[in-house]
Amino acid sequence: METYIPYFASLLSAIIVGMVAYYFFKAHTANEDGRRRFLIHKDAQGTILPLRLQAYERIILLLERIDPNSLLIRSKPISSDLTIYENQLIASIEQEYEHNLTQQVYLSAESWSVVKTTKNAIIQAIRHAAMNEKVDTADKLRETLLNHFMGETTHSQKALLYIKKEIAELF
């Protein structure tokens, strides 16, 4: 039995050295993997950040263009027909939205949801105002909508604040 003690001592020390080496290489490999991922992410940021900022610029422009106050000033009725003007306003909003649809790739899911909700809320407000019995011409619809949105913070303005807050988080 005494002859085996040096063998067991050598075996035990070899196991300890092997375990230390294993944990050292495991930690080293994990560290290198993390460093490599960081460098890839850093390189991607240099390429993706300008694209994301450009997408946010386009979304801000979209929100400004579909804001009821600017939309109603920019889109004047071409006839007195209420339905034609209502459809003209909604078509203008949908066209702006569809033109910027691809920007959702660079925005967060929450931001894109805010943009979609804003678009739908503005369309609903236009449809709701057009259903009012007192509104029977395109000029009255325009006047009603302008009066309604002049005194309050519009959906677009609220969405702009959210988007600007998210942009600030990028830096």
N, C-alpha and C. Protein backbone atom coordinates (compact mmCIF):
# COMPACT_ATOMS: atom_id res chain seq x y z
N MET A 1 0.82 -1.18 0.00
CA MET A 1 0.00 0.00 0.00
C MET A 1 0.86 1.25 0.00
N GLU A 2 1.99 1.15 0.73
CA GLU A 2 2.88 2.30 0.79
C GLU A 2 3.51 2.58 -0.57
N THR A 3 3.61 1.61 -1.41
CA THR A 3 4.19 1.82 -2.73
C THR A 3 3.23 2.55 -3.66
N TYR A 4 1.96 2.45 -3.31
CA TYR A 4 0.96 3.12 -4.16
C TYR A 4 0.74 4.58 -3.79
N ILE A 5 1.11 4.99 -2.63
CA ILE A 5 0.89 6.36 -2.17
C ILE A 5 1.58 7.37 -3.09
N PRO A 6 2.83 7.17 -3.50
CA PRO A 6 3.42 8.15 -4.43
C PRO A 6 2.67 8.20 -5.78
N TYR A 7 2.14 7.10 -6.23
CA TYR A 7 1.38 7.10 -7.47
C TYR A 7 0.09 7.88 -7.31
N PHE A 8 -0.60 7.66 -6.19
CA PHE A 8 -1.84 8.40 -5.94
C PHE A 8 -1.57 9.90 -5.78
N ALA A 9 -0.48 10.23 -5.13
CA ALA A 9 -0.11 11.65 -4.96
C ALA A 9 0.17 12.27 -6.32
N SER A 10 0.88 11.55 -7.15
CA SER A 10 1.16 12.06 -8.50
C SER A 10 -0.12 12.17 -9.32
N LEU A 11 -0.99 11.16 -9.18
CA LEU A 11 -2.25 11.18 -9.90
C LEU A 11 -3.13 12.33 -9.42
N LEU A 12 -3.19 12.55 -8.13
CA LEU A 12 -3.99 13.63 -7.56
C LEU A 12 -3.46 14.98 -8.02
N SER A 13 -2.15 15.17 -8.01
CA SER A 13 -1.59 16.44 -8.47
C SER A 13 -1.84 16.64 -9.96
N ALA A 14 -1.80 15.58 -10.74
CA ALA A 14 -2.07 15.67 -12.18
C ALA A 14 -3.53 16.05 -12.43
N ILE A 15 -4.44 15.49 -11.64
CA ILE A 15 -5.87 15.82 -11.76
C ILE A 15 -6.10 17.28 -11.39
N ILE A 16 -5.49 17.75 -10.33
CA ILE A 16 -5.63 19.15 -9.92
C ILE A 16 -5.08 20.09 -11.00
N VAL A 17 -3.90 19.78 -11.52
CA VAL A 17 -3.31 20.61 -12.59
C VAL A 17 -4.21 20.57 -13.83
N GLY A 18 -4.75 19.41 -14.15
CA GLY A 18 -5.65 19.28 -15.30
C GLY A 18 -6.91 20.10 -15.13
N MET A 19 -7.49 20.09 -13.91
CA MET A 19 -8.71 20.87 -13.65
C MET A 19 -8.43 22.36 -13.73
N VAL A 20 -7.30 22.80 -13.16
CA VAL A 20 -6.93 24.21 -13.22
C VAL A 20 -6.74 24.63 -14.67
N ALA A 21 -6.05 23.81 -15.43
CA ALA A 21 -5.82 24.12 -16.85
C ALA A 21 -7.15 24.17 -17.62
N TYR A 22 -8.04 23.21 -17.33
CA TYR A 22 -9.35 23.18 -17.98
C TYR A 22 -10.12 24.47 -17.71
N TYR A 23 -10.23 24.86 -16.44
CA TYR A 23 -10.97 26.08 -16.09
C TYR A 23 -10.31 27.34 -16.65
N PHE A 24 -8.96 27.34 -16.68
CA PHE A 24 -8.25 28.48 -17.25
C PHE A 24 -8.56 28.62 -18.74
N PHE A 25 -8.47 27.53 -19.48
CA PHE A 25 -8.73 27.58 -20.92
C PHE A 25 -10.21 27.85 -21.22
N LYS A 26 -11.08 27.33 -20.36
CA LYS A 26 -12.50 27.60 -20.54
C LYS A 26 -12.78 29.09 -20.35
N ALA A 27 -12.22 29.70 -19.31
CA ALA A 27 -12.40 31.14 -19.08
C ALA A 27 -11.75 31.95 -20.19
N HIS A 28 -10.58 31.53 -20.62
CA HIS A 28 -9.89 32.23 -21.70
C HIS A 28 -10.70 32.17 -23.00
N THR A 29 -11.24 31.01 -23.32
CA THR A 29 -12.04 30.84 -24.53
C THR A 29 -13.31 31.69 -24.45
N ALA A 30 -13.96 31.71 -23.31
CA ALA A 30 -15.17 32.53 -23.14
C ALA A 30 -14.83 34.01 -23.29
N ASN A 31 -13.69 34.42 -22.72
CA ASN A 31 -13.27 35.82 -22.82
C ASN A 31 -12.98 36.19 -24.28
N GLU A 32 -12.30 35.32 -24.99
CA GLU A 32 -11.99 35.58 -26.40
C GLU A 32 -13.25 35.63 -27.24
N ASP A 33 -14.19 34.74 -26.93
CA ASP A 33 -15.46 34.74 -27.66
C ASP A 33 -16.21 36.05 -27.41
N GLY A 34 -16.24 36.50 -26.16
CA GLY A 34 -16.88 37.77 -25.83
C GLY A 34 -16.19 38.94 -26.52
N ARG A 35 -14.88 38.93 -26.55
CA ARG A 35 -14.12 40.01 -27.20
C ARG A 35 -14.39 40.03 -28.70
N ARG A 36 -14.44 38.85 -29.30
CA ARG A 36 -14.71 38.75 -30.74
C ARG A 36 -16.12 39.27 -31.05
N ARG A 37 -17.09 38.89 -30.22
CA ARG A 37 -18.46 39.39 -30.42
C ARG A 37 -18.53 40.90 -30.25
N PHE A 38 -17.82 41.43 -29.27
CA PHE A 38 -17.78 42.87 -29.06
C PHE A 38 -17.20 43.59 -30.28
N LEU A 39 -16.13 43.06 -30.83
CA LEU A 39 -15.52 43.69 -32.00
C LEU A 39 -16.44 43.64 -33.22
N ILE A 40 -17.11 42.53 -33.41
CA ILE A 40 -18.08 42.41 -34.51
C ILE A 40 -19.22 43.40 -34.32
N HIS A 41 -19.72 43.49 -33.07
CA HIS A 41 -20.81 44.42 -32.76
C HIS A 41 -20.35 45.86 -32.98
N LYS A 42 -19.13 46.15 -32.59
CA LYS A 42 -18.59 47.51 -32.74
C LYS A 42 -18.47 47.86 -34.22
N ASP A 43 -18.00 46.94 -35.04
CA ASP A 43 -17.91 47.19 -36.48
C ASP A 43 -19.29 47.36 -37.10
N ALA A 44 -20.24 46.55 -36.65
CA ALA A 44 -21.61 46.65 -37.17
C ALA A 44 -22.24 47.98 -36.77
N GLN A 45 -21.96 48.43 -35.57
CA GLN A 45 -22.51 49.72 -35.12
C GLN A 45 -22.06 50.85 -36.04
N GLY A 46 -20.83 50.80 -36.48
CA GLY A 46 -20.34 51.84 -37.38
C GLY A 46 -21.10 51.88 -38.69
N THR A 47 -21.62 50.75 -39.10
CA THR A 47 -22.39 50.66 -40.35
C THR A 47 -23.88 50.87 -40.10
N ILE A 48 -24.39 50.26 -39.05
CA ILE A 48 -25.83 50.26 -38.81
C ILE A 48 -26.33 51.56 -38.18
N LEU A 49 -25.55 52.17 -37.32
CA LEU A 49 -26.02 53.38 -36.64
C LEU A 49 -26.41 54.48 -37.62
N PRO A 50 -25.62 54.77 -38.64
CA PRO A 50 -26.07 55.80 -39.59
C PRO A 50 -27.37 55.42 -40.30
N LEU A 51 -27.54 54.13 -40.60
CA LEU A 51 -28.78 53.68 -41.24
C LEU A 51 -29.98 53.84 -40.30
N ARG A 52 -29.76 53.51 -39.04
CA ARG A 52 -30.84 53.67 -38.06
C ARG A 52 -31.21 55.13 -37.88
N LEU A 53 -30.21 55.99 -37.82
CA LEU A 53 -30.50 57.43 -37.68
C LEU A 53 -31.24 57.96 -38.90
N GLN A 54 -30.87 57.49 -40.07
CA GLN A 54 -31.57 57.90 -41.28
C GLN A 54 -33.02 57.41 -41.24
N ALA A 55 -33.24 56.21 -40.75
CA ALA A 55 -34.61 55.69 -40.63
C ALA A 55 -35.42 56.52 -39.64
N TYR A 56 -34.81 56.89 -38.53
CA TYR A 56 -35.51 57.73 -37.57
C TYR A 56 -35.84 59.09 -38.18
N GLU A 57 -34.93 59.63 -38.99
CA GLU A 57 -35.21 60.90 -39.67
C GLU A 57 -36.42 60.76 -40.59
N ARG A 58 -36.48 59.66 -41.33
CA ARG A 58 -37.61 59.44 -42.23
C ARG A 58 -38.92 59.28 -41.46
N ILE A 59 -38.85 58.61 -40.31
CA ILE A 59 -40.06 58.42 -39.52
C ILE A 59 -40.52 59.75 -38.92
N ILE A 60 -39.57 60.57 -38.51
CA ILE A 60 -39.95 61.89 -38.00
C ILE A 60 -40.60 62.70 -39.11
N LEU A 61 -40.07 62.63 -40.31
CA LEU A 61 -40.68 63.32 -41.44
C LEU A 61 -42.08 62.78 -41.71
N LEU A 62 -42.24 61.47 -41.64
CA LEU A 62 -43.56 60.86 -41.81
C LEU A 62 -44.54 61.40 -40.78
N LEU A 63 -44.13 61.41 -39.52
CA LEU A 63 -45.03 61.87 -38.46
C LEU A 63 -45.36 63.36 -38.62
N GLU A 64 -44.41 64.13 -39.08
CA GLU A 64 -44.68 65.55 -39.33
C GLU A 64 -45.65 65.72 -40.50
N ARG A 65 -45.50 64.91 -41.52
CA ARG A 65 -46.36 65.06 -42.70
C ARG A 65 -47.79 64.56 -42.45
N ILE A 66 -47.96 63.56 -41.57
CA ILE A 66 -49.32 63.08 -41.30
C ILE A 66 -49.95 63.78 -40.11
N ASP A 67 -49.21 64.67 -39.47
CA ASP A 67 -49.79 65.46 -38.38
C ASP A 67 -50.98 66.23 -38.95
N PRO A 68 -52.14 66.13 -38.32
CA PRO A 68 -53.34 66.76 -38.89
C PRO A 68 -53.19 68.25 -39.17
N ASN A 69 -52.49 68.96 -38.32
CA ASN A 69 -52.33 70.41 -38.55
C ASN A 69 -51.58 70.70 -39.85
N SER A 70 -50.51 69.97 -40.11
CA SER A 70 -49.77 70.22 -41.36
C SER A 70 -50.46 69.55 -42.56
N LEU A 71 -51.08 68.41 -42.34
CA LEU A 71 -51.77 67.72 -43.42
C LEU A 71 -52.93 68.55 -43.96
N LEU A 72 -53.71 69.13 -43.05
CA LEU A 72 -54.89 69.90 -43.48
C LEU A 72 -54.49 71.20 -44.17
N ILE A 73 -53.39 71.77 -43.77
CA ILE A 73 -52.92 72.99 -44.44
C ILE A 73 -52.35 72.64 -45.82
N ARG A 74 -51.66 71.53 -45.92
CA ARG A 74 -51.05 71.10 -47.17
C ARG A 74 -52.08 70.56 -48.16
N SER A 75 -53.11 69.87 -47.66
CA SER A 75 -54.12 69.24 -48.54
C SER A 75 -55.42 70.03 -48.48
N LYS A 76 -55.59 70.87 -49.45
CA LYS A 76 -56.82 71.66 -49.52
C LYS A 76 -57.87 70.88 -50.32
N PRO A 77 -59.14 71.08 -50.00
CA PRO A 77 -60.17 70.36 -50.76
C PRO A 77 -60.19 70.79 -52.23
N ILE A 78 -60.36 69.82 -53.13
CA ILE A 78 -60.43 70.14 -54.55
C ILE A 78 -61.88 70.34 -55.00
N SER A 79 -62.81 69.89 -54.16
CA SER A 79 -64.24 70.11 -54.41
C SER A 79 -64.93 70.22 -53.05
N SER A 80 -66.20 70.49 -53.08
CA SER A 80 -66.92 70.62 -51.82
C SER A 80 -67.44 69.27 -51.31
N ASP A 81 -67.23 68.21 -52.07
CA ASP A 81 -67.70 66.88 -51.68
C ASP A 81 -66.92 66.37 -50.47
N LEU A 82 -67.64 66.08 -49.41
CA LEU A 82 -67.06 65.62 -48.15
C LEU A 82 -66.32 64.30 -48.31
N THR A 83 -66.92 63.35 -49.00
CA THR A 83 -66.34 62.03 -49.15
C THR A 83 -65.04 62.07 -49.94
N ILE A 84 -65.01 62.88 -50.96
CA ILE A 84 -63.79 62.99 -51.78
C ILE A 84 -62.65 63.55 -50.92
N TYR A 85 -62.94 64.58 -50.13
CA TYR A 85 -61.89 65.17 -49.29
C TYR A 85 -61.44 64.21 -48.20
N GLU A 86 -62.39 63.51 -47.60
CA GLU A 86 -62.04 62.52 -46.58
C GLU A 86 -61.12 61.45 -47.17
N ASN A 87 -61.47 60.94 -48.32
CA ASN A 87 -60.65 59.93 -49.00
C ASN A 87 -59.30 60.49 -49.42
N GLN A 88 -59.26 61.76 -49.81
CA GLN A 88 -58.00 62.41 -50.19
C GLN A 88 -57.06 62.48 -48.99
N LEU A 89 -57.59 62.87 -47.83
CA LEU A 89 -56.76 62.95 -46.62
C LEU A 89 -56.25 61.57 -46.21
N ILE A 90 -57.12 60.60 -46.21
CA ILE A 90 -56.74 59.24 -45.81
C ILE A 90 -55.74 58.65 -46.80
N ALA A 91 -55.95 58.89 -48.08
CA ALA A 91 -55.02 58.39 -49.10
C ALA A 91 -53.65 59.04 -48.93
N SER A 92 -53.63 60.30 -48.57
CA SER A 92 -52.35 60.99 -48.36
C SER A 92 -51.60 60.36 -47.18
N ILE A 93 -52.32 60.07 -46.11
CA ILE A 93 -51.71 59.44 -44.93
C ILE A 93 -51.20 58.04 -45.29
N GLU A 94 -52.02 57.27 -45.96
CA GLU A 94 -51.62 55.90 -46.34
C GLU A 94 -50.42 55.91 -47.28
N GLN A 95 -50.40 56.86 -48.20
CA GLN A 95 -49.28 56.95 -49.13
C GLN A 95 -47.98 57.27 -48.40
N GLU A 96 -48.03 58.21 -47.47
CA GLU A 96 -46.83 58.55 -46.68
C GLU A 96 -46.37 57.33 -45.88
N TYR A 97 -47.32 56.64 -45.28
CA TYR A 97 -47.01 55.46 -44.47
C TYR A 97 -46.36 54.37 -45.32
N GLU A 98 -46.98 54.07 -46.46
CA GLU A 98 -46.45 53.01 -47.32
C GLU A 98 -45.08 53.37 -47.89
N HIS A 99 -44.85 54.65 -48.10
CA HIS A 99 -43.56 55.10 -48.62
C HIS A 99 -42.44 54.82 -47.61
N ASN A 100 -42.78 54.81 -46.32
CA ASN A 100 -41.78 54.63 -45.27
C ASN A 100 -41.90 53.28 -44.57
N LEU A 101 -42.60 52.37 -45.14
CA LEU A 101 -42.86 51.07 -44.54
C LEU A 101 -41.58 50.28 -44.25
N THR A 102 -40.60 50.39 -45.10
CA THR A 102 -39.38 49.61 -44.93
C THR A 102 -38.51 50.11 -43.77
N GLN A 103 -38.80 51.29 -43.25
CA GLN A 103 -37.99 51.84 -42.16
C GLN A 103 -38.17 51.05 -40.87
N GLN A 104 -39.22 50.24 -40.80
CA GLN A 104 -39.46 49.47 -39.58
C GLN A 104 -38.33 48.49 -39.28
N VAL A 105 -37.53 48.17 -40.29
CA VAL A 105 -36.40 47.25 -40.09
C VAL A 105 -35.41 47.84 -39.08
N TYR A 106 -35.24 49.15 -39.10
CA TYR A 106 -34.23 49.81 -38.28
C TYR A 106 -34.79 50.35 -36.96
N LEU A 107 -36.11 50.33 -36.78
CA LEU A 107 -36.73 50.84 -35.57
C LEU A 107 -37.02 49.69 -34.61
N SER A 108 -37.17 50.04 -33.35
CA SER A 108 -37.58 49.03 -32.38
C SER A 108 -39.05 48.68 -32.64
N ALA A 109 -39.46 47.53 -32.16
CA ALA A 109 -40.85 47.11 -32.33
C ALA A 109 -41.81 48.10 -31.68
N GLU A 110 -41.41 48.65 -30.54
CA GLU A 110 -42.26 49.61 -29.84
C GLU A 110 -42.42 50.89 -30.66
N SER A 111 -41.34 51.37 -31.23
CA SER A 111 -41.41 52.59 -32.05
C SER A 111 -42.30 52.39 -33.26
N TRP A 112 -42.14 51.26 -33.92
CA TRP A 112 -42.96 51.02 -35.09
C TRP A 112 -44.43 50.89 -34.70
N SER A 113 -44.69 50.29 -33.57
CA SER A 113 -46.06 50.18 -33.08
C SER A 113 -46.65 51.56 -32.80
N VAL A 114 -45.84 52.45 -32.26
CA VAL A 114 -46.29 53.83 -32.00
C VAL A 114 -46.63 54.52 -33.32
N VAL A 115 -45.82 54.32 -34.34
CA VAL A 115 -46.06 54.93 -35.65
C VAL A 115 -47.36 54.40 -36.26
N LYS A 116 -47.55 53.08 -36.21
CA LYS A 116 -48.77 52.48 -36.76
C LYS A 116 -50.01 52.96 -36.01
N THR A 117 -49.92 53.00 -34.70
CA THR A 117 -51.04 53.45 -33.88
C THR A 117 -51.37 54.90 -34.18
N THR A 118 -50.35 55.72 -34.35
CA THR A 118 -50.56 57.13 -34.66
C THR A 118 -51.28 57.28 -36.00
N LYS A 119 -50.82 56.58 -36.99
CA LYS A 119 -51.47 56.64 -38.31
C LYS A 119 -52.93 56.24 -38.21
N ASN A 120 -53.20 55.14 -37.54
CA ASN A 120 -54.58 54.66 -37.41
C ASN A 120 -55.45 55.62 -36.60
N ALA A 121 -54.89 56.23 -35.57
CA ALA A 121 -55.65 57.17 -34.75
C ALA A 121 -56.02 58.42 -35.54
N ILE A 122 -55.11 58.90 -36.38
CA ILE A 122 -55.41 60.08 -37.20
C ILE A 122 -56.48 59.76 -38.23
N ILE A 123 -56.40 58.60 -38.85
CA ILE A 123 -57.42 58.18 -39.81
C ILE A 123 -58.77 58.06 -39.12
N GLN A 124 -58.78 57.48 -37.93
CA GLN A 124 -60.03 57.35 -37.17
C GLN A 124 -60.62 58.73 -36.84
N ALA A 125 -59.77 59.67 -36.46
CA ALA A 125 -60.26 61.03 -36.14
C ALA A 125 -60.87 61.68 -37.37
N ILE A 126 -60.26 61.48 -38.53
CA ILE A 126 -60.81 62.05 -39.77
C ILE A 126 -62.15 61.41 -40.08
N ARG A 127 -62.23 60.10 -39.97
CA ARG A 127 -63.50 59.39 -40.25
C ARG A 127 -64.58 59.79 -39.25
N HIS A 128 -64.20 59.91 -38.00
CA HIS A 128 -65.17 60.30 -36.97
C HIS A 128 -65.70 61.71 -37.23
N ALA A 129 -64.83 62.63 -37.59
CA ALA A 129 -65.27 64.00 -37.89
C ALA A 129 -66.16 64.03 -39.13
N ALA A 130 -65.86 63.19 -40.11
CA ALA A 130 -66.66 63.16 -41.34
C ALA A 130 -68.06 62.60 -41.08
N MET A 131 -68.23 61.80 -40.04
CA MET A 131 -69.54 61.24 -39.71
C MET A 131 -70.43 62.21 -38.95
N ASN A 132 -69.86 63.30 -38.48
CA ASN A 132 -70.63 64.29 -37.74
C ASN A 132 -71.70 64.87 -38.65
N GLU A 133 -72.93 64.97 -38.13
CA GLU A 133 -74.05 65.45 -38.94
C GLU A 133 -73.89 66.92 -39.33
N LYS A 134 -73.19 67.69 -38.51
CA LYS A 134 -73.01 69.11 -38.81
C LYS A 134 -72.01 69.33 -39.94
N VAL A 135 -71.20 68.33 -40.20
CA VAL A 135 -70.19 68.43 -41.25
C VAL A 135 -70.79 67.84 -42.53
N ASP A 136 -71.04 68.74 -43.51
CA ASP A 136 -71.64 68.27 -44.75
C ASP A 136 -70.85 68.67 -46.00
N THR A 137 -69.79 69.45 -45.83
CA THR A 137 -68.94 69.82 -46.97
C THR A 137 -67.48 69.58 -46.60
N ALA A 138 -66.64 69.60 -47.61
CA ALA A 138 -65.21 69.40 -47.40
C ALA A 138 -64.62 70.53 -46.58
N ASP A 139 -65.06 71.76 -46.82
CA ASP A 139 -64.55 72.90 -46.06
C ASP A 139 -64.93 72.81 -44.59
N LYS A 140 -66.13 72.33 -44.30
CA LYS A 140 -66.54 72.18 -42.90
C LYS A 140 -65.73 71.07 -42.22
N LEU A 141 -65.45 70.00 -42.96
CA LEU A 141 -64.62 68.93 -42.40
C LEU A 141 -63.24 69.47 -42.06
N ARG A 142 -62.67 70.21 -42.97
CA ARG A 142 -61.35 70.80 -42.75
C ARG A 142 -61.37 71.73 -41.55
N GLU A 143 -62.38 72.57 -41.48
CA GLU A 143 -62.50 73.51 -40.36
C GLU A 143 -62.69 72.77 -39.03
N THR A 144 -63.53 71.76 -39.03
CA THR A 144 -63.77 70.97 -37.82
C THR A 144 -62.49 70.29 -37.34
N LEU A 145 -61.77 69.69 -38.26
CA LEU A 145 -60.52 69.01 -37.89
C LEU A 145 -59.47 69.99 -37.40
N LEU A 146 -59.35 71.12 -38.08
CA LEU A 146 -58.38 72.13 -37.64
C LEU A 146 -58.71 72.63 -36.25
N ASN A 147 -59.98 72.91 -35.99
CA ASN A 147 -60.40 73.37 -34.65
C ASN A 147 -60.15 72.30 -33.60
N HIS A 148 -60.40 71.05 -33.96
CA HIS A 148 -60.22 69.96 -33.02
C HIS A 148 -58.75 69.76 -32.64
N PHE A 149 -57.87 69.83 -33.62
CA PHE A 149 -56.46 69.53 -33.37
C PHE A 149 -55.62 70.74 -32.99
N MET A 150 -56.14 71.95 -33.18
CA MET A 150 -55.34 73.13 -32.85
C MET A 150 -55.07 73.26 -31.35
N GLY A 151 -56.02 72.93 -30.54
CA GLY A 151 -55.88 73.15 -29.11
C GLY A 151 -55.27 72.02 -28.32
N GLU A 152 -54.97 70.93 -28.95
CA GLU A 152 -54.46 69.78 -28.19
C GLU A 152 -53.17 69.24 -28.79
N THR A 153 -52.50 68.41 -28.02
CA THR A 153 -51.33 67.71 -28.51
C THR A 153 -51.82 66.57 -29.40
N THR A 154 -51.40 66.57 -30.63
CA THR A 154 -51.88 65.56 -31.58
C THR A 154 -51.17 64.23 -31.34
N HIS A 155 -51.72 63.22 -31.94
CA HIS A 155 -51.11 61.88 -31.84
C HIS A 155 -49.70 61.90 -32.43
N SER A 156 -49.52 62.64 -33.50
CA SER A 156 -48.20 62.73 -34.14
C SER A 156 -47.18 63.37 -33.20
N GLN A 157 -47.59 64.40 -32.51
CA GLN A 157 -46.67 65.08 -31.59
C GLN A 157 -46.27 64.16 -30.44
N LYS A 158 -47.22 63.37 -29.95
CA LYS A 158 -46.90 62.40 -28.90
C LYS A 158 -45.94 61.34 -29.42
N ALA A 159 -46.18 60.88 -30.63
CA ALA A 159 -45.29 59.87 -31.23
C ALA A 159 -43.90 60.46 -31.46
N LEU A 160 -43.83 61.71 -31.87
CA LEU A 160 -42.54 62.37 -32.06
C LEU A 160 -41.74 62.40 -30.77
N LEU A 161 -42.40 62.69 -29.67
CA LEU A 161 -41.71 62.70 -28.38
C LEU A 161 -41.16 61.32 -28.05
N TYR A 162 -41.93 60.29 -28.32
CA TYR A 162 -41.47 58.92 -28.06
C TYR A 162 -40.27 58.58 -28.93
N ILE A 163 -40.34 58.92 -30.21
CA ILE A 163 -39.24 58.62 -31.14
C ILE A 163 -37.99 59.38 -30.73
N LYS A 164 -38.14 60.65 -30.38
CA LYS A 164 -36.97 61.45 -29.97
C LYS A 164 -36.34 60.88 -28.71
N LYS A 165 -37.17 60.39 -27.79
CA LYS A 165 -36.64 59.77 -26.58
C LYS A 165 -35.84 58.51 -26.92
N GLU A 166 -36.35 57.74 -27.85
CA GLU A 166 -35.63 56.52 -28.25
C GLU A 166 -34.33 56.85 -28.98
N ILE A 167 -34.32 57.90 -29.76
CA ILE A 167 -33.07 58.31 -30.43
C ILE A 167 -32.04 58.73 -29.39
N ALA A 168 -32.49 59.44 -28.37
CA ALA A 168 -31.56 59.89 -27.31
C ALA A 168 -30.94 58.69 -26.60
N GLU A 169 -31.64 57.58 -26.52
CA GLU A 169 -31.10 56.39 -25.87
C GLU A 169 -30.00 55.72 -26.68
N LEU A 170 -29.91 56.05 -27.97
CA LEU A 170 -28.86 55.48 -28.81
C LEU A 170 -27.49 56.03 -28.44
N PHE A 171 -27.49 57.21 -27.82
CA PHE A 171 -26.21 57.85 -27.51
C PHE A 171 -25.94 57.84 -26.05
